[in-house]
Amino acid sequence: SGRIVSGRCALHRPYSWEDLKAHAANQSARYAAGEYPGRSPNGNAMYDRYKRWCIEHGRISNADYVVRYVRWHGGSALEPSLAPYLLDDGIEHWILWHHPNKTPGDTELDPASEAAVARALVAREIKGEASPSDVPLVCFQNVPPLRSIPTIAHSHVFLRVGSMLPEARRAVGAMRGAWRQRSPWLALGREA
């Protein structure tokens, strides 16, 4: 668990697949108890550098960067997190974005619907026998105090890449590679 210091949990531990499932099932109570996933101190520092870089190089906000550079499909986009949470090996942190022109930022998102959209976006990229049901994931929208970009409705999607079929794993890898090419921040050699 973490200790809350000025709005951030000061000490986070890597979350396991079981931790993520438990958090998704009861995150309000877990948040109230100070238990929620987060970044390492280095991850928070990198996220702060990224936000400064946006302002210095593009004079854009974090939200503007998302709207401009993610790959939209009918008002939604699934991209790797630029500032991922601490997770056990084999789990990747992605974000399911909803374009603010289609979905207001304060929309409360349904976890089951979000999981279906995320699986469908991965399935678009799968070549071969894998199907959306072959994409193991946990999905949740943060509680309001933890929403770092409140103007864009979004859910955190955690992919258990290590247990995916090879076709699904390749699709996720291709999506990750395409994001690195589209993202000016990542194109500079920064790692998400």
N, C-alpha and C. Protein backbone atom coordinates (compact mmCIF):
# COMPACT_ATOMS: atom_id res chain seq x y z
N SER A 1 0.84 -1.18 0.00
CA SER A 1 0.00 0.00 0.00
C SER A 1 0.87 1.24 0.00
N GLY A 2 0.27 2.38 -0.23
CA GLY A 2 1.05 3.59 -0.34
C GLY A 2 0.69 4.59 0.73
N ARG A 3 1.54 5.55 0.90
CA ARG A 3 1.33 6.66 1.83
C ARG A 3 1.06 7.89 0.97
N ILE A 4 -0.05 8.59 1.24
CA ILE A 4 -0.43 9.73 0.42
C ILE A 4 0.32 10.97 0.87
N VAL A 5 1.02 11.61 -0.06
CA VAL A 5 1.76 12.84 0.19
C VAL A 5 1.37 13.81 -0.91
N SER A 6 0.77 14.92 -0.54
CA SER A 6 0.36 15.98 -1.47
C SER A 6 -0.29 15.44 -2.74
N GLY A 7 -1.32 14.62 -2.58
CA GLY A 7 -2.11 14.17 -3.72
C GLY A 7 -1.55 12.99 -4.47
N ARG A 8 -0.36 12.53 -4.13
CA ARG A 8 0.23 11.37 -4.79
C ARG A 8 0.57 10.33 -3.75
N CYS A 9 0.44 9.10 -4.14
CA CYS A 9 0.86 8.03 -3.25
C CYS A 9 2.39 7.99 -3.31
N ALA A 10 3.03 8.20 -2.17
CA ALA A 10 4.49 8.35 -2.14
C ALA A 10 5.22 7.05 -2.44
N LEU A 11 4.70 5.93 -1.99
CA LEU A 11 5.37 4.65 -2.16
C LEU A 11 4.43 3.66 -2.83
N HIS A 12 4.76 3.27 -4.03
CA HIS A 12 3.96 2.27 -4.73
C HIS A 12 4.77 1.01 -4.88
N ARG A 13 4.07 -0.08 -4.95
CA ARG A 13 4.69 -1.37 -5.20
C ARG A 13 4.18 -1.87 -6.54
N PRO A 14 4.90 -2.75 -7.20
CA PRO A 14 4.38 -3.31 -8.44
C PRO A 14 3.07 -4.06 -8.19
N TYR A 15 2.13 -3.87 -9.07
CA TYR A 15 0.85 -4.56 -8.98
C TYR A 15 0.90 -5.84 -9.80
N SER A 16 0.36 -6.90 -9.21
CA SER A 16 0.24 -8.18 -9.91
C SER A 16 -1.09 -8.20 -10.66
N TRP A 17 -1.28 -9.24 -11.45
CA TRP A 17 -2.55 -9.43 -12.16
C TRP A 17 -3.70 -9.53 -11.16
N GLU A 18 -3.49 -10.27 -10.09
CA GLU A 18 -4.54 -10.42 -9.07
C GLU A 18 -4.81 -9.09 -8.37
N ASP A 19 -3.77 -8.30 -8.10
CA ASP A 19 -3.96 -6.97 -7.50
C ASP A 19 -4.81 -6.09 -8.40
N LEU A 20 -4.53 -6.11 -9.70
CA LEU A 20 -5.28 -5.29 -10.64
C LEU A 20 -6.75 -5.70 -10.68
N LYS A 21 -7.01 -6.99 -10.69
CA LYS A 21 -8.40 -7.48 -10.70
C LYS A 21 -9.12 -7.06 -9.41
N ALA A 22 -8.44 -7.18 -8.28
CA ALA A 22 -9.05 -6.78 -7.01
C ALA A 22 -9.32 -5.27 -7.00
N HIS A 23 -8.38 -4.49 -7.53
CA HIS A 23 -8.56 -3.04 -7.57
C HIS A 23 -9.74 -2.67 -8.47
N ALA A 24 -9.82 -3.28 -9.63
CA ALA A 24 -10.91 -2.98 -10.56
C ALA A 24 -12.26 -3.32 -9.94
N ALA A 25 -12.32 -4.35 -9.13
CA ALA A 25 -13.58 -4.79 -8.53
C ALA A 25 -14.04 -3.88 -7.39
N ASN A 26 -13.13 -3.13 -6.76
CA ASN A 26 -13.52 -2.35 -5.59
C ASN A 26 -12.57 -1.17 -5.39
N GLN A 27 -12.40 -0.37 -6.43
CA GLN A 27 -11.37 0.65 -6.32
C GLN A 27 -11.72 1.80 -5.39
N SER A 28 -12.97 2.13 -5.20
CA SER A 28 -13.30 3.23 -4.29
C SER A 28 -12.85 2.91 -2.87
N ALA A 29 -13.13 1.70 -2.40
CA ALA A 29 -12.71 1.32 -1.05
C ALA A 29 -11.20 1.23 -0.96
N ARG A 30 -10.56 0.71 -2.00
CA ARG A 30 -9.10 0.60 -1.99
C ARG A 30 -8.46 1.99 -2.00
N TYR A 31 -9.02 2.91 -2.78
CA TYR A 31 -8.50 4.27 -2.79
C TYR A 31 -8.64 4.91 -1.41
N ALA A 32 -9.80 4.74 -0.78
CA ALA A 32 -10.03 5.29 0.55
C ALA A 32 -9.02 4.76 1.56
N ALA A 33 -8.57 3.52 1.34
CA ALA A 33 -7.57 2.90 2.23
C ALA A 33 -6.14 3.25 1.83
N GLY A 34 -5.97 4.07 0.78
CA GLY A 34 -4.63 4.46 0.32
C GLY A 34 -3.95 3.39 -0.52
N GLU A 35 -4.71 2.46 -1.05
CA GLU A 35 -4.16 1.35 -1.85
C GLU A 35 -4.63 1.49 -3.28
N TYR A 36 -3.71 1.86 -4.16
CA TYR A 36 -4.03 1.97 -5.58
C TYR A 36 -2.74 1.93 -6.38
N PRO A 37 -2.83 1.50 -7.64
CA PRO A 37 -1.61 1.42 -8.45
C PRO A 37 -1.06 2.81 -8.75
N GLY A 38 0.23 2.87 -8.98
CA GLY A 38 0.85 4.15 -9.31
C GLY A 38 2.21 3.94 -9.93
N ARG A 39 2.87 5.05 -10.17
CA ARG A 39 4.20 5.02 -10.79
C ARG A 39 5.28 5.01 -9.73
N SER A 40 6.45 4.62 -10.14
CA SER A 40 7.63 4.73 -9.27
C SER A 40 8.02 6.21 -9.20
N PRO A 41 8.87 6.58 -8.27
CA PRO A 41 9.37 7.97 -8.26
C PRO A 41 10.01 8.35 -9.61
N ASN A 42 10.76 7.44 -10.22
CA ASN A 42 11.34 7.71 -11.54
C ASN A 42 10.26 7.88 -12.59
N GLY A 43 9.21 7.06 -12.51
CA GLY A 43 8.09 7.18 -13.44
C GLY A 43 7.37 8.50 -13.31
N ASN A 44 7.17 8.95 -12.06
CA ASN A 44 6.54 10.27 -11.85
C ASN A 44 7.43 11.38 -12.38
N ALA A 45 8.74 11.27 -12.18
CA ALA A 45 9.67 12.29 -12.67
C ALA A 45 9.64 12.34 -14.20
N MET A 46 9.60 11.16 -14.84
CA MET A 46 9.54 11.11 -16.30
C MET A 46 8.23 11.73 -16.80
N TYR A 47 7.11 11.45 -16.12
CA TYR A 47 5.83 12.02 -16.51
C TYR A 47 5.87 13.53 -16.40
N ASP A 48 6.48 14.06 -15.34
CA ASP A 48 6.63 15.52 -15.19
C ASP A 48 7.50 16.10 -16.30
N ARG A 49 8.60 15.39 -16.67
CA ARG A 49 9.45 15.86 -17.79
C ARG A 49 8.66 15.90 -19.09
N TYR A 50 7.87 14.86 -19.32
CA TYR A 50 7.05 14.81 -20.54
C TYR A 50 6.09 16.00 -20.60
N LYS A 51 5.41 16.32 -19.51
CA LYS A 51 4.46 17.43 -19.51
C LYS A 51 5.18 18.76 -19.75
N ARG A 52 6.37 18.94 -19.14
CA ARG A 52 7.16 20.15 -19.41
C ARG A 52 7.58 20.22 -20.88
N TRP A 53 8.00 19.06 -21.42
CA TRP A 53 8.41 18.99 -22.82
C TRP A 53 7.26 19.42 -23.73
N CYS A 54 6.05 18.96 -23.44
CA CYS A 54 4.88 19.35 -24.25
C CYS A 54 4.75 20.86 -24.31
N ILE A 55 4.87 21.49 -23.18
CA ILE A 55 4.72 22.95 -23.13
C ILE A 55 5.88 23.65 -23.83
N GLU A 56 7.11 23.18 -23.59
CA GLU A 56 8.29 23.82 -24.16
C GLU A 56 8.41 23.62 -25.67
N HIS A 57 8.04 22.45 -26.18
CA HIS A 57 8.26 22.15 -27.59
C HIS A 57 7.03 22.28 -28.47
N GLY A 58 5.88 22.14 -27.91
CA GLY A 58 4.70 22.24 -28.75
C GLY A 58 3.69 23.22 -28.24
N ARG A 59 4.00 23.80 -27.08
CA ARG A 59 3.08 24.71 -26.44
C ARG A 59 1.69 24.09 -26.36
N ILE A 60 1.68 22.79 -26.03
CA ILE A 60 0.41 22.09 -25.90
C ILE A 60 0.34 21.43 -24.52
N SER A 61 -0.88 21.17 -24.11
CA SER A 61 -1.09 20.48 -22.84
C SER A 61 -0.99 18.97 -23.06
N ASN A 62 -0.97 18.25 -21.97
CA ASN A 62 -1.00 16.79 -22.02
C ASN A 62 -2.24 16.33 -22.79
N ALA A 63 -3.40 16.94 -22.50
CA ALA A 63 -4.64 16.57 -23.19
C ALA A 63 -4.54 16.86 -24.69
N ASP A 64 -3.97 18.01 -25.06
CA ASP A 64 -3.82 18.35 -26.48
C ASP A 64 -2.92 17.33 -27.19
N TYR A 65 -1.87 16.89 -26.51
CA TYR A 65 -0.96 15.89 -27.07
C TYR A 65 -1.73 14.61 -27.38
N VAL A 66 -2.55 14.17 -26.45
CA VAL A 66 -3.35 12.95 -26.65
C VAL A 66 -4.26 13.12 -27.85
N VAL A 67 -5.01 14.21 -27.89
CA VAL A 67 -5.96 14.42 -29.00
C VAL A 67 -5.22 14.45 -30.34
N ARG A 68 -4.06 15.06 -30.38
CA ARG A 68 -3.33 15.22 -31.64
C ARG A 68 -2.65 13.94 -32.11
N TYR A 69 -2.09 13.13 -31.21
CA TYR A 69 -1.21 12.06 -31.65
C TYR A 69 -1.73 10.63 -31.53
N VAL A 70 -2.78 10.40 -30.76
CA VAL A 70 -3.26 9.01 -30.70
C VAL A 70 -3.99 8.67 -32.00
N ARG A 71 -4.12 7.39 -32.26
CA ARG A 71 -4.78 6.91 -33.49
C ARG A 71 -6.24 6.59 -33.17
N TRP A 72 -7.12 7.50 -33.61
CA TRP A 72 -8.54 7.41 -33.29
C TRP A 72 -9.25 6.44 -34.22
N HIS A 73 -10.16 5.66 -33.65
CA HIS A 73 -11.03 4.74 -34.39
C HIS A 73 -12.45 4.99 -33.90
N GLY A 74 -13.22 5.75 -34.65
CA GLY A 74 -14.60 6.00 -34.26
C GLY A 74 -14.75 6.65 -32.89
N GLY A 75 -13.83 7.52 -32.53
CA GLY A 75 -13.94 8.24 -31.27
C GLY A 75 -13.20 7.61 -30.11
N SER A 76 -12.56 6.45 -30.32
CA SER A 76 -11.78 5.80 -29.26
C SER A 76 -10.40 5.47 -29.78
N ALA A 77 -9.46 5.32 -28.86
CA ALA A 77 -8.09 4.95 -29.21
C ALA A 77 -7.48 4.17 -28.06
N LEU A 78 -6.70 3.16 -28.39
CA LEU A 78 -5.99 2.37 -27.39
C LEU A 78 -4.50 2.51 -27.66
N GLU A 79 -3.80 3.11 -26.69
CA GLU A 79 -2.37 3.37 -26.84
C GLU A 79 -1.64 2.97 -25.57
N PRO A 80 -0.36 2.60 -25.69
CA PRO A 80 0.44 2.35 -24.47
C PRO A 80 0.52 3.62 -23.63
N SER A 81 0.52 3.45 -22.34
CA SER A 81 0.63 4.60 -21.44
C SER A 81 2.02 5.22 -21.57
N LEU A 82 2.06 6.54 -21.66
CA LEU A 82 3.34 7.26 -21.67
C LEU A 82 3.99 7.26 -20.30
N ALA A 83 3.19 7.04 -19.26
CA ALA A 83 3.70 7.05 -17.89
C ALA A 83 3.08 5.85 -17.15
N PRO A 84 3.56 4.65 -17.47
CA PRO A 84 2.91 3.45 -16.94
C PRO A 84 3.08 3.27 -15.43
N TYR A 85 2.11 2.59 -14.86
CA TYR A 85 2.17 2.22 -13.45
C TYR A 85 3.18 1.11 -13.25
N LEU A 86 3.61 0.95 -12.01
CA LEU A 86 4.48 -0.16 -11.64
C LEU A 86 3.68 -1.45 -11.69
N LEU A 87 4.16 -2.41 -12.49
CA LEU A 87 3.44 -3.66 -12.68
C LEU A 87 4.41 -4.83 -12.67
N ASP A 88 3.89 -6.00 -12.34
CA ASP A 88 4.70 -7.21 -12.46
C ASP A 88 5.07 -7.44 -13.91
N ASP A 89 6.14 -8.20 -14.13
CA ASP A 89 6.56 -8.55 -15.49
C ASP A 89 5.43 -9.25 -16.23
N GLY A 90 5.34 -8.99 -17.53
CA GLY A 90 4.33 -9.62 -18.36
C GLY A 90 3.02 -8.87 -18.44
N ILE A 91 2.92 -7.74 -17.74
CA ILE A 91 1.71 -6.92 -17.76
C ILE A 91 2.09 -5.55 -18.34
N GLU A 92 1.30 -5.07 -19.29
CA GLU A 92 1.54 -3.75 -19.88
C GLU A 92 0.37 -2.82 -19.56
N HIS A 93 0.68 -1.54 -19.37
CA HIS A 93 -0.31 -0.51 -19.05
C HIS A 93 -0.63 0.28 -20.31
N TRP A 94 -1.86 0.24 -20.72
CA TRP A 94 -2.36 0.97 -21.88
C TRP A 94 -3.48 1.89 -21.43
N ILE A 95 -3.84 2.82 -22.31
CA ILE A 95 -4.93 3.75 -22.02
C ILE A 95 -5.96 3.67 -23.16
N LEU A 96 -7.22 3.53 -22.78
CA LEU A 96 -8.32 3.59 -23.74
C LEU A 96 -8.90 5.01 -23.66
N TRP A 97 -8.58 5.80 -24.68
CA TRP A 97 -9.00 7.21 -24.74
C TRP A 97 -10.34 7.33 -25.46
N HIS A 98 -11.10 8.37 -25.09
CA HIS A 98 -12.35 8.71 -25.78
C HIS A 98 -12.25 10.17 -26.19
N HIS A 99 -12.40 10.42 -27.49
CA HIS A 99 -12.22 11.78 -28.01
C HIS A 99 -13.19 12.74 -27.31
N PRO A 100 -12.67 13.89 -26.83
CA PRO A 100 -13.53 14.82 -26.09
C PRO A 100 -14.66 15.42 -26.93
N ASN A 101 -14.56 15.38 -28.26
CA ASN A 101 -15.67 15.85 -29.09
C ASN A 101 -16.82 14.85 -29.12
N LYS A 102 -16.55 13.61 -28.70
CA LYS A 102 -17.58 12.56 -28.72
C LYS A 102 -18.04 12.17 -27.31
N THR A 103 -17.14 12.26 -26.34
CA THR A 103 -17.44 11.83 -24.97
C THR A 103 -16.90 12.87 -24.00
N PRO A 104 -17.78 13.51 -23.20
CA PRO A 104 -17.29 14.49 -22.24
C PRO A 104 -16.28 13.87 -21.26
N GLY A 105 -15.32 14.66 -20.84
CA GLY A 105 -14.26 14.17 -19.97
C GLY A 105 -14.74 13.63 -18.64
N ASP A 106 -15.85 14.12 -18.14
CA ASP A 106 -16.33 13.66 -16.83
C ASP A 106 -17.29 12.47 -16.92
N THR A 107 -17.38 11.86 -18.09
CA THR A 107 -18.25 10.70 -18.27
C THR A 107 -17.76 9.54 -17.41
N GLU A 108 -18.67 8.92 -16.69
CA GLU A 108 -18.35 7.70 -15.93
C GLU A 108 -18.45 6.53 -16.90
N LEU A 109 -17.36 5.85 -17.11
CA LEU A 109 -17.28 4.79 -18.11
C LEU A 109 -17.60 3.43 -17.50
N ASP A 110 -18.31 2.61 -18.25
CA ASP A 110 -18.69 1.27 -17.80
C ASP A 110 -17.53 0.30 -18.04
N PRO A 111 -17.02 -0.35 -17.00
CA PRO A 111 -15.85 -1.22 -17.16
C PRO A 111 -16.04 -2.35 -18.19
N ALA A 112 -17.21 -2.97 -18.21
CA ALA A 112 -17.44 -4.06 -19.17
C ALA A 112 -17.44 -3.54 -20.60
N SER A 113 -18.06 -2.39 -20.82
CA SER A 113 -18.06 -1.79 -22.16
C SER A 113 -16.65 -1.37 -22.57
N GLU A 114 -15.89 -0.82 -21.61
CA GLU A 114 -14.52 -0.41 -21.89
C GLU A 114 -13.66 -1.61 -22.27
N ALA A 115 -13.82 -2.71 -21.55
CA ALA A 115 -13.05 -3.92 -21.87
C ALA A 115 -13.40 -4.42 -23.27
N ALA A 116 -14.67 -4.37 -23.63
CA ALA A 116 -15.08 -4.82 -24.97
C ALA A 116 -14.48 -3.93 -26.06
N VAL A 117 -14.47 -2.61 -25.84
CA VAL A 117 -13.88 -1.69 -26.82
C VAL A 117 -12.38 -1.95 -26.94
N ALA A 118 -11.71 -2.10 -25.81
CA ALA A 118 -10.26 -2.35 -25.84
C ALA A 118 -9.95 -3.64 -26.59
N ARG A 119 -10.69 -4.70 -26.30
CA ARG A 119 -10.47 -5.98 -27.00
C ARG A 119 -10.72 -5.83 -28.50
N ALA A 120 -11.76 -5.09 -28.86
CA ALA A 120 -12.07 -4.89 -30.28
C ALA A 120 -10.96 -4.12 -30.98
N LEU A 121 -10.37 -3.12 -30.31
CA LEU A 121 -9.28 -2.36 -30.93
C LEU A 121 -8.04 -3.22 -31.12
N VAL A 122 -7.75 -4.12 -30.19
CA VAL A 122 -6.63 -5.04 -30.38
C VAL A 122 -6.98 -6.02 -31.49
N ALA A 123 -8.21 -6.52 -31.49
CA ALA A 123 -8.63 -7.51 -32.50
C ALA A 123 -8.51 -6.96 -33.92
N ARG A 124 -8.69 -5.64 -34.10
CA ARG A 124 -8.54 -5.03 -35.43
C ARG A 124 -7.16 -5.31 -36.01
N GLU A 125 -6.17 -5.46 -35.12
CA GLU A 125 -4.78 -5.63 -35.56
C GLU A 125 -4.33 -7.09 -35.63
N ILE A 126 -5.14 -8.00 -35.11
CA ILE A 126 -4.73 -9.40 -35.04
C ILE A 126 -4.81 -10.04 -36.42
N LYS A 127 -3.72 -10.69 -36.80
CA LYS A 127 -3.67 -11.47 -38.05
C LYS A 127 -3.57 -12.93 -37.64
N GLY A 128 -4.50 -13.74 -38.05
CA GLY A 128 -4.43 -15.15 -37.69
C GLY A 128 -5.66 -15.61 -36.93
N GLU A 129 -5.46 -16.60 -36.09
CA GLU A 129 -6.56 -17.29 -35.44
C GLU A 129 -7.05 -16.65 -34.15
N ALA A 130 -6.31 -15.76 -33.55
CA ALA A 130 -6.71 -15.18 -32.27
C ALA A 130 -7.95 -14.32 -32.44
N SER A 131 -8.72 -14.21 -31.38
CA SER A 131 -9.94 -13.39 -31.39
C SER A 131 -9.91 -12.45 -30.18
N PRO A 132 -10.88 -11.52 -30.09
CA PRO A 132 -10.88 -10.61 -28.94
C PRO A 132 -10.87 -11.33 -27.60
N SER A 133 -11.48 -12.49 -27.53
CA SER A 133 -11.50 -13.21 -26.25
C SER A 133 -10.11 -13.72 -25.86
N ASP A 134 -9.16 -13.70 -26.80
CA ASP A 134 -7.79 -14.13 -26.53
C ASP A 134 -6.92 -12.99 -26.01
N VAL A 135 -7.53 -11.88 -25.63
CA VAL A 135 -6.80 -10.71 -25.14
C VAL A 135 -7.12 -10.56 -23.64
N PRO A 136 -6.30 -11.15 -22.77
CA PRO A 136 -6.56 -11.02 -21.34
C PRO A 136 -6.27 -9.60 -20.87
N LEU A 137 -7.27 -8.99 -20.24
CA LEU A 137 -7.08 -7.62 -19.78
C LEU A 137 -7.89 -7.33 -18.53
N VAL A 138 -7.46 -6.32 -17.83
CA VAL A 138 -8.19 -5.72 -16.71
C VAL A 138 -8.34 -4.26 -17.07
N CYS A 139 -9.51 -3.71 -16.80
CA CYS A 139 -9.80 -2.35 -17.23
C CYS A 139 -10.54 -1.60 -16.12
N PHE A 140 -10.14 -0.36 -15.86
CA PHE A 140 -10.90 0.49 -14.94
C PHE A 140 -10.61 1.95 -15.24
N GLN A 141 -11.57 2.79 -14.89
CA GLN A 141 -11.40 4.23 -14.93
C GLN A 141 -11.02 4.65 -13.52
N ASN A 142 -10.00 5.46 -13.39
CA ASN A 142 -9.59 5.91 -12.06
C ASN A 142 -10.72 6.67 -11.37
N VAL A 143 -10.69 6.65 -10.04
CA VAL A 143 -11.62 7.48 -9.28
C VAL A 143 -11.29 8.94 -9.59
N PRO A 144 -12.28 9.85 -9.52
CA PRO A 144 -12.05 11.24 -9.94
C PRO A 144 -10.80 11.90 -9.38
N PRO A 145 -10.43 11.74 -8.11
CA PRO A 145 -9.22 12.45 -7.64
C PRO A 145 -7.92 11.99 -8.30
N LEU A 146 -7.94 10.82 -8.94
CA LEU A 146 -6.72 10.30 -9.57
C LEU A 146 -6.69 10.49 -11.08
N ARG A 147 -7.66 11.19 -11.64
CA ARG A 147 -7.70 11.38 -13.10
C ARG A 147 -6.76 12.51 -13.49
N SER A 148 -5.63 12.12 -14.10
CA SER A 148 -4.60 13.12 -14.42
C SER A 148 -4.97 13.97 -15.64
N ILE A 149 -5.88 13.49 -16.47
CA ILE A 149 -6.36 14.28 -17.62
C ILE A 149 -7.89 14.26 -17.56
N PRO A 150 -8.48 15.07 -16.70
CA PRO A 150 -9.92 15.02 -16.51
C PRO A 150 -10.75 15.51 -17.69
N THR A 151 -10.11 16.17 -18.66
CA THR A 151 -10.85 16.67 -19.82
C THR A 151 -11.05 15.61 -20.89
N ILE A 152 -10.38 14.46 -20.75
CA ILE A 152 -10.54 13.36 -21.71
C ILE A 152 -10.93 12.11 -20.93
N ALA A 153 -12.13 11.60 -21.21
CA ALA A 153 -12.56 10.37 -20.58
C ALA A 153 -11.63 9.24 -21.02
N HIS A 154 -11.16 8.46 -20.05
CA HIS A 154 -10.25 7.37 -20.40
C HIS A 154 -10.24 6.31 -19.31
N SER A 155 -9.91 5.11 -19.72
CA SER A 155 -9.76 3.98 -18.80
C SER A 155 -8.34 3.47 -18.89
N HIS A 156 -7.89 2.89 -17.80
CA HIS A 156 -6.59 2.23 -17.76
C HIS A 156 -6.83 0.77 -18.12
N VAL A 157 -6.07 0.30 -19.08
CA VAL A 157 -6.20 -1.08 -19.58
C VAL A 157 -4.88 -1.78 -19.32
N PHE A 158 -4.95 -2.92 -18.69
CA PHE A 158 -3.76 -3.70 -18.37
C PHE A 158 -3.83 -4.99 -19.15
N LEU A 159 -2.86 -5.17 -20.03
CA LEU A 159 -2.81 -6.34 -20.91
C LEU A 159 -1.83 -7.35 -20.33
N ARG A 160 -2.27 -8.57 -20.24
CA ARG A 160 -1.40 -9.65 -19.77
C ARG A 160 -0.74 -10.27 -21.00
N VAL A 161 0.23 -9.55 -21.52
CA VAL A 161 0.85 -9.89 -22.80
C VAL A 161 1.51 -11.26 -22.75
N GLY A 162 2.10 -11.61 -21.62
CA GLY A 162 2.80 -12.88 -21.50
C GLY A 162 1.91 -14.09 -21.69
N SER A 163 0.61 -13.95 -21.48
CA SER A 163 -0.28 -15.10 -21.63
C SER A 163 -1.16 -15.01 -22.87
N MET A 164 -0.83 -14.10 -23.79
CA MET A 164 -1.59 -13.98 -25.04
C MET A 164 -1.09 -15.00 -26.06
N LEU A 165 -1.97 -15.35 -26.98
CA LEU A 165 -1.55 -16.17 -28.12
C LEU A 165 -0.56 -15.36 -28.95
N PRO A 166 0.32 -16.03 -29.69
CA PRO A 166 1.33 -15.30 -30.47
C PRO A 166 0.75 -14.24 -31.40
N GLU A 167 -0.40 -14.53 -32.04
CA GLU A 167 -0.99 -13.55 -32.96
C GLU A 167 -1.40 -12.27 -32.22
N ALA A 168 -1.99 -12.44 -31.04
CA ALA A 168 -2.40 -11.29 -30.25
C ALA A 168 -1.18 -10.53 -29.74
N ARG A 169 -0.16 -11.25 -29.30
CA ARG A 169 1.08 -10.62 -28.82
C ARG A 169 1.72 -9.80 -29.94
N ARG A 170 1.73 -10.35 -31.17
CA ARG A 170 2.29 -9.61 -32.31
C ARG A 170 1.47 -8.35 -32.59
N ALA A 171 0.15 -8.46 -32.50
CA ALA A 171 -0.72 -7.30 -32.75
C ALA A 171 -0.43 -6.20 -31.73
N VAL A 172 -0.30 -6.57 -30.46
CA VAL A 172 0.01 -5.59 -29.42
C VAL A 172 1.38 -4.97 -29.68
N GLY A 173 2.35 -5.78 -30.09
CA GLY A 173 3.68 -5.26 -30.42
C GLY A 173 3.63 -4.28 -31.58
N ALA A 174 2.82 -4.59 -32.60
CA ALA A 174 2.67 -3.68 -33.74
C ALA A 174 2.02 -2.36 -33.32
N MET A 175 1.02 -2.45 -32.45
CA MET A 175 0.37 -1.23 -31.95
C MET A 175 1.36 -0.38 -31.15
N ARG A 176 2.16 -1.02 -30.33
CA ARG A 176 3.17 -0.31 -29.53
C ARG A 176 4.17 0.37 -30.46
N GLY A 177 4.64 -0.34 -31.50
CA GLY A 177 5.59 0.23 -32.45
C GLY A 177 5.01 1.42 -33.21
N ALA A 178 3.75 1.32 -33.60
CA ALA A 178 3.11 2.42 -34.33
C ALA A 178 2.99 3.66 -33.43
N TRP A 179 2.70 3.46 -32.14
CA TRP A 179 2.61 4.57 -31.21
C TRP A 179 3.97 5.25 -31.06
N ARG A 180 5.03 4.46 -30.99
CA ARG A 180 6.38 5.05 -30.88
C ARG A 180 6.70 5.91 -32.10
N GLN A 181 6.24 5.49 -33.26
CA GLN A 181 6.50 6.27 -34.47
C GLN A 181 5.67 7.54 -34.53
N ARG A 182 4.44 7.51 -34.02
CA ARG A 182 3.55 8.68 -34.05
C ARG A 182 3.85 9.68 -32.95
N SER A 183 4.37 9.23 -31.86
CA SER A 183 4.54 10.08 -30.68
C SER A 183 5.87 10.84 -30.74
N PRO A 184 5.83 12.15 -30.88
CA PRO A 184 7.09 12.91 -30.91
C PRO A 184 7.92 12.72 -29.65
N TRP A 185 7.28 12.59 -28.50
CA TRP A 185 8.01 12.38 -27.25
C TRP A 185 8.78 11.06 -27.31
N LEU A 186 8.12 9.99 -27.74
CA LEU A 186 8.79 8.69 -27.81
C LEU A 186 9.79 8.63 -28.96
N ALA A 187 9.54 9.38 -30.03
CA ALA A 187 10.45 9.37 -31.17
C ALA A 187 11.82 9.92 -30.79
N LEU A 188 11.88 10.66 -29.70
CA LEU A 188 13.16 11.20 -29.23
C LEU A 188 13.96 10.16 -28.46
N GLY A 189 13.45 8.92 -28.43
CA GLY A 189 14.16 7.84 -27.75
C GLY A 189 13.78 7.67 -26.31
N ARG A 190 12.74 8.36 -25.89
CA ARG A 190 12.28 8.20 -24.50
C ARG A 190 11.44 6.94 -24.43
N GLU A 191 11.52 6.28 -23.34
CA GLU A 191 10.82 5.01 -23.17
C GLU A 191 9.56 5.21 -22.33
N ALA A 192 8.49 4.61 -22.77
CA ALA A 192 7.24 4.67 -21.99
C ALA A 192 7.18 3.47 -21.09
